[in-house]
Amino acid sequence: MEVDVYIGNLPTRATEEEIQELFSKAGEVQSVTLIKDRDTGYSRGFAFVEMSTQVEAESAIKMLNGSMLGDRQLKVNLARQRKEKGRGRRGGGYNRY
């Protein structure tokens, strides 16, 4: 069962390869999703890493939370589940008569 890990406070020039290399020290990395700015192509400062097991994910969190990448101190924790779009939302912001 794969487990998603959230990584925050990444340097803007961080690459998926750097993140993969860093997290592979804690276990098998299934995938890396670096969130990038549409206009610049640079990192928006966070990413998600899919680890192979819960044990590896917890190991990565313990090992890497607070560690440095470039000039930034990383924030690493379990990723929260995404809320489904459209559920529980009301209206579109305009008054409709």
C-alpha atoms as a PDB file:
ATOM      1  CA  MET A   1       0.000   0.000   0.000  1.00  0.00           C
ATOM      2  CA  GLU A   2       1.556   3.294  -1.116  1.00  0.00           C
ATOM      3  CA  VAL A   3       1.533   6.215   1.299  1.00  0.00           C
ATOM      4  CA  ASP A   4       1.697   9.889   0.281  1.00  0.00           C
ATOM      5  CA  VAL A   5       4.041  12.241   2.106  1.00  0.00           C
ATOM      6  CA  TYR A   6       3.783  16.050   1.898  1.00  0.00           C
ATOM      7  CA  ILE A   7       6.965  18.129   1.628  1.00  0.00           C
ATOM      8  CA  GLY A   8       6.691  21.852   2.257  1.00  0.00           C
ATOM      9  CA  ASN A   9       9.068  24.828   2.221  1.00  0.00           C
ATOM     10  CA  LEU A  10      10.998  23.576  -0.808  1.00  0.00           C
ATOM     11  CA  PRO A  11      13.389  25.906  -2.637  1.00  0.00           C
ATOM     12  CA  THR A  12      11.865  27.278  -5.851  1.00  0.00           C
ATOM     13  CA  ARG A  13      14.555  25.609  -7.950  1.00  0.00           C
ATOM     14  CA  ALA A  14      14.087  22.154  -6.397  1.00  0.00           C
ATOM     15  CA  THR A  15      13.744  19.311  -8.899  1.00  0.00           C
ATOM     16  CA  GLU A  16      11.894  15.999  -8.784  1.00  0.00           C
ATOM     17  CA  GLU A  17      15.248  14.225  -9.119  1.00  0.00           C
ATOM     18  CA  GLU A  18      16.642  15.957  -6.011  1.00  0.00           C
ATOM     19  CA  ILE A  19      13.551  15.059  -4.019  1.00  0.00           C
ATOM     20  CA  GLN A  20      13.635  11.448  -5.247  1.00  0.00           C
ATOM     21  CA  GLU A  21      17.288  11.120  -4.259  1.00  0.00           C
ATOM     22  CA  LEU A  22      16.671  12.630  -0.823  1.00  0.00           C
ATOM     23  CA  PHE A  23      13.665  10.425  -0.009  1.00  0.00           C
ATOM     24  CA  SER A  24      15.221   7.234  -1.375  1.00  0.00           C
ATOM     25  CA  LYS A  25      17.469   7.277   1.708  1.00  0.00           C
ATOM     26  CA  ALA A  26      14.366   6.431   3.767  1.00  0.00           C
ATOM     27  CA  GLY A  27      12.926   3.750   1.477  1.00  0.00           C
ATOM     28  CA  GLU A  28      11.483   2.972  -1.925  1.00  0.00           C
ATOM     29  CA  VAL A  29      10.008   6.004  -3.673  1.00  0.00           C
ATOM     30  CA  GLN A  30       7.118   5.152  -6.001  1.00  0.00           C
ATOM     31  CA  SER A  31       6.653   8.657  -7.420  1.00  0.00           C
ATOM     32  CA  VAL A  32       7.394  12.342  -6.891  1.00  0.00           C
ATOM     33  CA  THR A  33       4.926  15.084  -7.794  1.00  0.00           C
ATOM     34  CA  LEU A  34       6.492  18.532  -7.643  1.00  0.00           C
ATOM     35  CA  ILE A  35       3.881  21.277  -7.813  1.00  0.00           C
ATOM     36  CA  LYS A  36       5.075  23.952 -10.246  1.00  0.00           C
ATOM     37  CA  ASP A  37       4.007  27.478 -11.127  1.00  0.00           C
ATOM     38  CA  ARG A  38       2.287  27.586 -14.514  1.00  0.00           C
ATOM     39  CA  ASP A  39       4.070  30.738 -15.663  1.00  0.00           C
ATOM     40  CA  THR A  40       7.641  30.243 -14.448  1.00  0.00           C
ATOM     41  CA  GLY A  41       7.897  26.453 -14.275  1.00  0.00           C
ATOM     42  CA  TYR A  42       9.590  26.740 -10.883  1.00  0.00           C
ATOM     43  CA  SER A  43       8.477  24.854  -7.800  1.00  0.00           C
ATOM     44  CA  ARG A  44       5.639  26.437  -5.826  1.00  0.00           C
ATOM     45  CA  GLY A  45       7.386  25.301  -2.670  1.00  0.00           C
ATOM     46  CA  PHE A  46       5.744  21.942  -2.067  1.00  0.00           C
ATOM     47  CA  ALA A  47       5.595  18.408  -3.407  1.00  0.00           C
ATOM     48  CA  PHE A  48       4.190  14.959  -2.733  1.00  0.00           C
ATOM     49  CA  VAL A  49       6.221  11.769  -2.538  1.00  0.00           C
ATOM     50  CA  GLU A  50       4.575   8.363  -2.725  1.00  0.00           C
ATOM     51  CA  MET A  51       6.450   5.869  -0.541  1.00  0.00           C
ATOM     52  CA  SER A  52       5.997   2.084  -0.826  1.00  0.00           C
ATOM     53  CA  THR A  53       4.862   1.413   2.744  1.00  0.00           C
ATOM     54  CA  GLN A  54       3.614   3.174   5.864  1.00  0.00           C
ATOM     55  CA  VAL A  55       6.852   2.232   7.662  1.00  0.00           C
ATOM     56  CA  GLU A  56       8.966   3.873   4.936  1.00  0.00           C
ATOM     57  CA  ALA A  57       6.751   6.975   4.965  1.00  0.00           C
ATOM     58  CA  GLU A  58       7.124   7.307   8.744  1.00  0.00           C
ATOM     59  CA  SER A  59      10.876   6.761   8.435  1.00  0.00           C
ATOM     60  CA  ALA A  60      11.090   9.533   5.817  1.00  0.00           C
ATOM     61  CA  ILE A  61       9.144  11.896   8.056  1.00  0.00           C
ATOM     62  CA  LYS A  62      11.371  11.230  11.064  1.00  0.00           C
ATOM     63  CA  MET A  63      14.547  11.435   8.992  1.00  0.00           C
ATOM     64  CA  LEU A  64      13.755  14.472   6.833  1.00  0.00           C
ATOM     65  CA  ASN A  65      11.382  16.759   8.752  1.00  0.00           C
ATOM     66  CA  GLY A  66      13.457  19.787   9.682  1.00  0.00           C
ATOM     67  CA  SER A  67      16.360  18.839   7.403  1.00  0.00           C
ATOM     68  CA  MET A  68      17.817  21.342   4.957  1.00  0.00           C
ATOM     69  CA  LEU A  69      17.509  21.367   1.176  1.00  0.00           C
ATOM     70  CA  GLY A  70      19.391  24.295  -0.279  1.00  0.00           C
ATOM     71  CA  ASP A  71      18.741  27.167   2.107  1.00  0.00           C
ATOM     72  CA  ARG A  72      15.320  25.905   3.250  1.00  0.00           C
ATOM     73  CA  GLN A  73      14.277  23.832   6.271  1.00  0.00           C
ATOM     74  CA  LEU A  74      11.847  21.167   5.016  1.00  0.00           C
ATOM     75  CA  LYS A  75       8.476  20.419   6.547  1.00  0.00           C
ATOM     76  CA  VAL A  76       7.619  16.761   6.010  1.00  0.00           C
ATOM     77  CA  ASN A  77       4.449  14.977   7.154  1.00  0.00           C
ATOM     78  CA  LEU A  78       1.743  12.605   5.965  1.00  0.00           C
ATOM     79  CA  ALA A  79      -0.335  14.069   3.166  1.00  0.00           C
ATOM     80  CA  ARG A  80      -3.978  14.748   3.918  1.00  0.00           C
ATOM     81  CA  GLN A  81      -6.605  13.247   1.644  1.00  0.00           C
ATOM     82  CA  ARG A  82      -7.982  15.592  -1.016  1.00  0.00           C
ATOM     83  CA  LYS A  83     -11.557  16.698  -0.685  1.00  0.00           C
ATOM     84  CA  GLU A  84     -13.706  15.845  -3.656  1.00  0.00           C
ATOM     85  CA  LYS A  85     -14.495  18.869  -5.788  1.00  0.00           C
ATOM     86  CA  GLY A  86     -18.060  20.028  -5.845  1.00  0.00           C
ATOM     87  CA  ARG A  87     -19.210  18.206  -2.744  1.00  0.00           C
ATOM     88  CA  GLY A  88     -20.580  20.465  -0.052  1.00  0.00           C
ATOM     89  CA  ARG A  89     -20.183  23.628  -2.128  1.00  0.00           C
ATOM     90  CA  ARG A  90     -22.948  26.095  -2.687  1.00  0.00           C
ATOM     91  CA  GLY A  91     -23.568  28.656  -5.374  1.00  0.00           C
ATOM     92  CA  GLY A  92     -21.272  30.333  -7.799  1.00  0.00           C
ATOM     93  CA  GLY A  93     -20.914  33.706  -6.135  1.00  0.00           C
ATOM     94  CA  TYR A  94     -23.527  35.522  -8.191  1.00  0.00           C
ATOM     95  CA  ASN A  95     -27.099  36.301  -7.260  1.00  0.00           C
ATOM     96  CA  ARG A  96     -29.370  34.378  -9.518  1.00  0.00           C
ATOM     97  CA  TYR A  97     -33.028  35.366  -9.699  1.00  0.00           C
END
